[in-house]
Amino acid sequence: MYTPRAFAEDDPSALDRLLARDPFVTLVTSGGDGLPFASHLPVLHARDGEGLLLEGHWARPNPQASHAGPALAIVHGPHHYISPEWYPDKGETARVPTWNYAAAHLYGELQPLHDEDALASIVARLGERFESAVGGRWRYDHDDPRERAQLRGIVGFRFRAARIELKFKLNQNHPAANVQGAIDGLRGLDRADAAEVAGLMAERLARRER
């Protein structure tokens, strides 16, 4: 990922926050034809010593379920268009529009899982992770043969990140007045996605001013 120094983020907790906010990642591997193949998947994440572990599963017919080895997991963060109209120095510097965003690229090794106990654990923990957020009460019941039989329709995976790139492009290369102007512009839109980006920008502006 192209990451100018001004936009590089090195705080591990920033990645944890991205994954907590949106654990629906893009998993990219290389198929037998040499072409990239991508799947969009919910994942569980946990710190694994100094690294990060992702777990999830594919539908068994998904071609990626037969892939193993090097892979890329893309974590998507908030993003929004930034108008040059929000910059105080727009007239004197001929500012142009841009797009602010946060994203992470995780490079590591992918391990498919076929063991029934491992699959059951992943399905159970995914349910525990997401059901409560929608007020649901579903829980995987391994003693129910109907539910256990459905494990045959999936392939699980573990992905250990060996290298992590975090990019938070949030106008850090602009004067503080421009950053504040963009924050105010975003907040004036009264939209949740704009407010998220404004919040990230405000955090980094506060760091600069300490």
Protein backbone atom coordinates (compact mmCIF):
# COMPACT_ATOMS: atom_id res chain seq x y z
CA MET A 1 0.00 0.00 0.00
CA TYR A 2 1.35 3.42 -0.93
CA THR A 3 1.75 5.20 2.41
CA PRO A 4 3.51 8.58 2.59
CA ARG A 5 5.23 9.08 5.92
CA ALA A 6 2.70 11.68 7.06
CA PHE A 7 -0.10 9.13 6.83
CA ALA A 8 1.63 6.11 8.40
CA GLU A 9 0.12 4.96 11.70
CA ASP A 10 2.15 2.83 14.12
CA ASP A 11 -0.21 2.48 17.09
CA PRO A 12 -1.42 -1.17 17.33
CA SER A 13 -4.57 -0.04 19.10
CA ALA A 14 -5.56 1.86 15.95
CA LEU A 15 -5.83 -1.47 14.13
CA ASP A 16 -7.81 -3.00 16.98
CA ARG A 17 -10.26 -0.12 16.75
CA LEU A 18 -10.65 -0.54 12.99
CA LEU A 19 -11.39 -4.25 13.39
CA ALA A 20 -13.79 -3.64 16.26
CA ARG A 21 -15.61 -1.06 14.14
CA ASP A 22 -15.78 -3.17 10.97
CA PRO A 23 -14.66 -6.82 11.16
CA PHE A 24 -15.82 -7.48 7.57
CA VAL A 25 -12.50 -7.79 5.72
CA THR A 26 -11.36 -8.40 2.16
CA LEU A 27 -9.15 -11.48 1.97
CA VAL A 28 -6.91 -11.67 -1.10
CA THR A 29 -4.97 -14.72 -2.27
CA SER A 30 -3.40 -15.93 -5.51
CA GLY A 31 -5.14 -18.76 -7.32
CA GLY A 32 -3.64 -21.53 -9.39
CA ASP A 33 -3.91 -19.33 -12.49
CA GLY A 34 -1.73 -16.70 -10.82
CA LEU A 35 -4.56 -14.18 -10.68
CA PRO A 36 -5.65 -12.55 -7.42
CA PHE A 37 -8.85 -13.85 -5.83
CA ALA A 38 -10.79 -11.92 -3.17
CA SER A 39 -13.47 -12.87 -0.66
CA HIS A 40 -15.38 -10.58 1.69
CA LEU A 41 -15.71 -12.17 5.10
CA PRO A 42 -16.56 -11.47 8.74
CA VAL A 43 -13.67 -12.33 11.04
CA LEU A 44 -12.76 -12.71 14.67
CA HIS A 45 -9.55 -11.03 15.70
CA ALA A 46 -7.24 -11.44 18.64
CA ARG A 47 -3.73 -10.48 19.61
CA ASP A 48 -1.40 -13.46 19.19
CA GLY A 49 1.76 -12.56 21.08
CA GLU A 50 3.29 -9.67 19.12
CA GLY A 51 1.13 -10.41 16.09
CA LEU A 52 -2.52 -10.56 15.16
CA LEU A 53 -4.72 -13.58 14.46
CA LEU A 54 -7.83 -13.53 12.25
CA GLU A 55 -10.28 -16.42 12.13
CA GLY A 56 -13.30 -17.05 9.94
CA HIS A 57 -14.70 -19.40 7.35
CA TRP A 58 -15.64 -19.73 3.69
CA ALA A 59 -18.52 -21.57 2.07
CA ARG A 60 -16.95 -24.84 0.94
CA PRO A 61 -17.62 -24.18 -2.79
CA ASN A 62 -15.64 -20.91 -2.60
CA PRO A 63 -12.44 -21.50 -4.64
CA GLN A 64 -10.44 -19.62 -2.03
CA ALA A 65 -11.22 -22.38 0.48
CA SER A 66 -8.50 -24.43 -1.20
CA HIS A 67 -5.89 -21.66 -0.93
CA ALA A 68 -3.14 -21.66 1.68
CA GLY A 69 0.05 -19.74 2.31
CA PRO A 70 0.69 -16.03 1.63
CA ALA A 71 -2.39 -13.81 1.77
CA LEU A 72 -3.46 -10.22 2.24
CA ALA A 73 -6.31 -9.13 4.52
CA ILE A 74 -7.63 -5.61 3.96
CA VAL A 75 -9.36 -3.90 6.87
CA HIS A 76 -11.66 -1.07 5.86
CA GLY A 77 -12.05 2.03 7.99
CA PRO A 78 -14.15 5.19 7.71
CA HIS A 79 -13.69 7.42 4.67
CA HIS A 80 -15.13 10.61 3.19
CA TYR A 81 -14.71 13.20 0.46
CA ILE A 82 -12.94 16.40 1.53
CA SER A 83 -13.86 19.67 -0.20
CA PRO A 84 -11.17 22.35 -0.70
CA GLU A 85 -13.88 24.84 0.20
CA TRP A 86 -13.27 23.90 3.82
CA TYR A 87 -9.63 25.10 3.81
CA PRO A 88 -8.96 28.68 4.96
CA ASP A 89 -6.00 28.97 2.56
CA LYS A 90 -7.87 27.61 -0.48
CA GLY A 91 -7.62 30.86 -2.42
CA GLU A 92 -3.92 31.50 -2.03
CA THR A 93 -2.75 27.91 -2.52
CA ALA A 94 -5.17 26.54 -5.15
CA ARG A 95 -6.21 23.59 -3.00
CA VAL A 96 -7.93 20.62 -4.66
CA PRO A 97 -10.37 17.95 -3.41
CA THR A 98 -9.14 14.81 -1.72
CA TRP A 99 -10.49 11.73 0.03
CA ASN A 100 -9.66 11.02 3.67
CA TYR A 101 -9.69 7.47 4.98
CA ALA A 102 -8.26 4.87 7.32
CA ALA A 103 -7.29 1.37 6.18
CA ALA A 104 -5.00 -1.49 7.13
CA HIS A 105 -3.23 -4.10 5.03
CA LEU A 106 -2.25 -7.28 6.84
CA TYR A 107 0.22 -9.64 5.17
CA GLY A 108 0.59 -13.14 6.49
CA GLU A 109 -0.01 -16.87 6.20
CA LEU A 110 -3.39 -18.45 5.62
CA GLN A 111 -4.18 -21.86 7.11
CA PRO A 112 -7.41 -23.64 6.04
CA LEU A 113 -9.18 -25.63 8.78
CA HIS A 114 -11.28 -28.76 8.27
CA ASP A 115 -11.39 -30.14 11.81
CA GLU A 116 -14.96 -30.27 13.13
CA ASP A 117 -14.04 -28.92 16.56
CA ALA A 118 -12.18 -25.96 15.04
CA LEU A 119 -15.10 -25.19 12.72
CA ALA A 120 -17.59 -25.44 15.58
CA SER A 121 -15.51 -23.07 17.68
CA ILE A 122 -15.35 -20.47 14.90
CA VAL A 123 -19.08 -20.63 14.16
CA ALA A 124 -19.95 -20.45 17.87
CA ARG A 125 -17.68 -17.47 18.50
CA LEU A 126 -18.88 -15.60 15.41
CA GLY A 127 -22.43 -15.99 16.72
CA GLU A 128 -21.44 -14.77 20.16
CA ARG A 129 -19.63 -11.80 18.62
CA PHE A 130 -22.41 -10.56 16.35
CA GLU A 131 -25.76 -11.77 17.70
CA SER A 132 -25.78 -9.45 20.70
CA ALA A 133 -25.22 -6.43 18.45
CA VAL A 134 -28.58 -7.03 16.76
CA GLY A 135 -30.43 -8.13 19.87
CA GLY A 136 -30.46 -11.77 18.76
CA ARG A 137 -30.21 -14.87 20.91
CA TRP A 138 -28.97 -17.48 18.43
CA ARG A 139 -26.20 -19.73 19.71
CA TYR A 140 -24.51 -22.59 17.92
CA ASP A 141 -25.58 -25.90 19.44
CA HIS A 142 -23.03 -28.62 18.77
CA ASP A 143 -25.34 -31.21 20.32
CA ASP A 144 -27.93 -30.58 17.60
CA PRO A 145 -27.06 -32.93 14.72
CA ARG A 146 -28.76 -30.61 12.24
CA GLU A 147 -26.44 -27.75 13.14
CA ARG A 148 -23.39 -29.98 13.37
CA ALA A 149 -24.12 -31.36 9.89
CA GLN A 150 -23.98 -27.83 8.45
CA LEU A 151 -20.31 -27.62 9.37
CA ARG A 152 -19.68 -29.84 6.35
CA GLY A 153 -20.64 -26.90 4.17
CA ILE A 154 -17.78 -24.64 5.32
CA VAL A 155 -14.00 -24.50 5.52
CA GLY A 156 -12.45 -22.50 8.32
CA PHE A 157 -9.25 -20.49 8.30
CA ARG A 158 -6.68 -18.91 10.54
CA PHE A 159 -4.62 -16.00 9.27
CA ARG A 160 -1.57 -14.80 11.19
CA ALA A 161 -0.40 -11.33 10.22
CA ALA A 162 3.37 -11.13 9.86
CA ARG A 163 3.43 -7.54 8.58
CA ILE A 164 0.92 -4.78 9.21
CA GLU A 165 0.56 -1.51 7.29
CA LEU A 166 -1.74 1.13 8.73
CA LYS A 167 -2.66 4.19 6.69
CA PHE A 168 -4.66 7.04 8.20
CA LYS A 169 -4.87 9.74 5.51
CA LEU A 170 -6.39 12.60 7.48
CA ASN A 171 -4.89 15.87 6.19
CA GLN A 172 -1.79 15.51 8.37
CA ASN A 173 0.18 17.17 5.55
CA HIS A 174 -1.92 20.37 5.84
CA PRO A 175 -1.65 23.34 8.18
CA ALA A 176 -3.64 22.92 11.39
CA ALA A 177 -6.14 25.57 10.28
CA ASN A 178 -6.99 23.51 7.20
CA VAL A 179 -7.43 20.36 9.26
CA GLN A 180 -9.78 22.17 11.62
CA GLY A 181 -11.66 23.61 8.66
CA ALA A 182 -12.16 20.14 7.21
CA ILE A 183 -13.26 18.81 10.61
CA ASP A 184 -15.85 21.58 10.87
CA GLY A 185 -17.00 20.94 7.30
CA LEU A 186 -17.47 17.23 7.93
CA ARG A 187 -19.31 17.78 11.19
CA GLY A 188 -21.59 20.26 9.45
CA LEU A 189 -22.85 17.49 7.16
CA ASP A 190 -24.58 15.74 10.07
CA ARG A 191 -23.71 12.29 8.70
CA ALA A 192 -22.34 9.36 10.68
CA ASP A 193 -19.58 8.53 8.17
CA ALA A 194 -18.44 12.15 8.03
CA ALA A 195 -18.46 12.39 11.83
CA GLU A 196 -16.26 9.29 12.11
CA VAL A 197 -13.62 10.77 9.82
CA ALA A 198 -13.85 14.11 11.63
CA GLY A 199 -13.26 12.32 14.93
CA LEU A 200 -10.11 10.61 13.64
CA MET A 201 -8.85 13.91 12.26
CA ALA A 202 -9.49 15.67 15.55
CA GLU A 203 -7.54 13.01 17.45
CA ARG A 204 -4.48 13.47 15.26
CA LEU A 205 -4.75 17.25 15.30
CA ALA A 206 -4.78 17.14 19.10
CA ARG A 207 -1.58 15.04 19.05
CA ARG A 208 0.09 17.62 16.82
CA GLU A 209 -0.83 20.46 19.15
CA ARG A 210 0.49 18.79 22.33
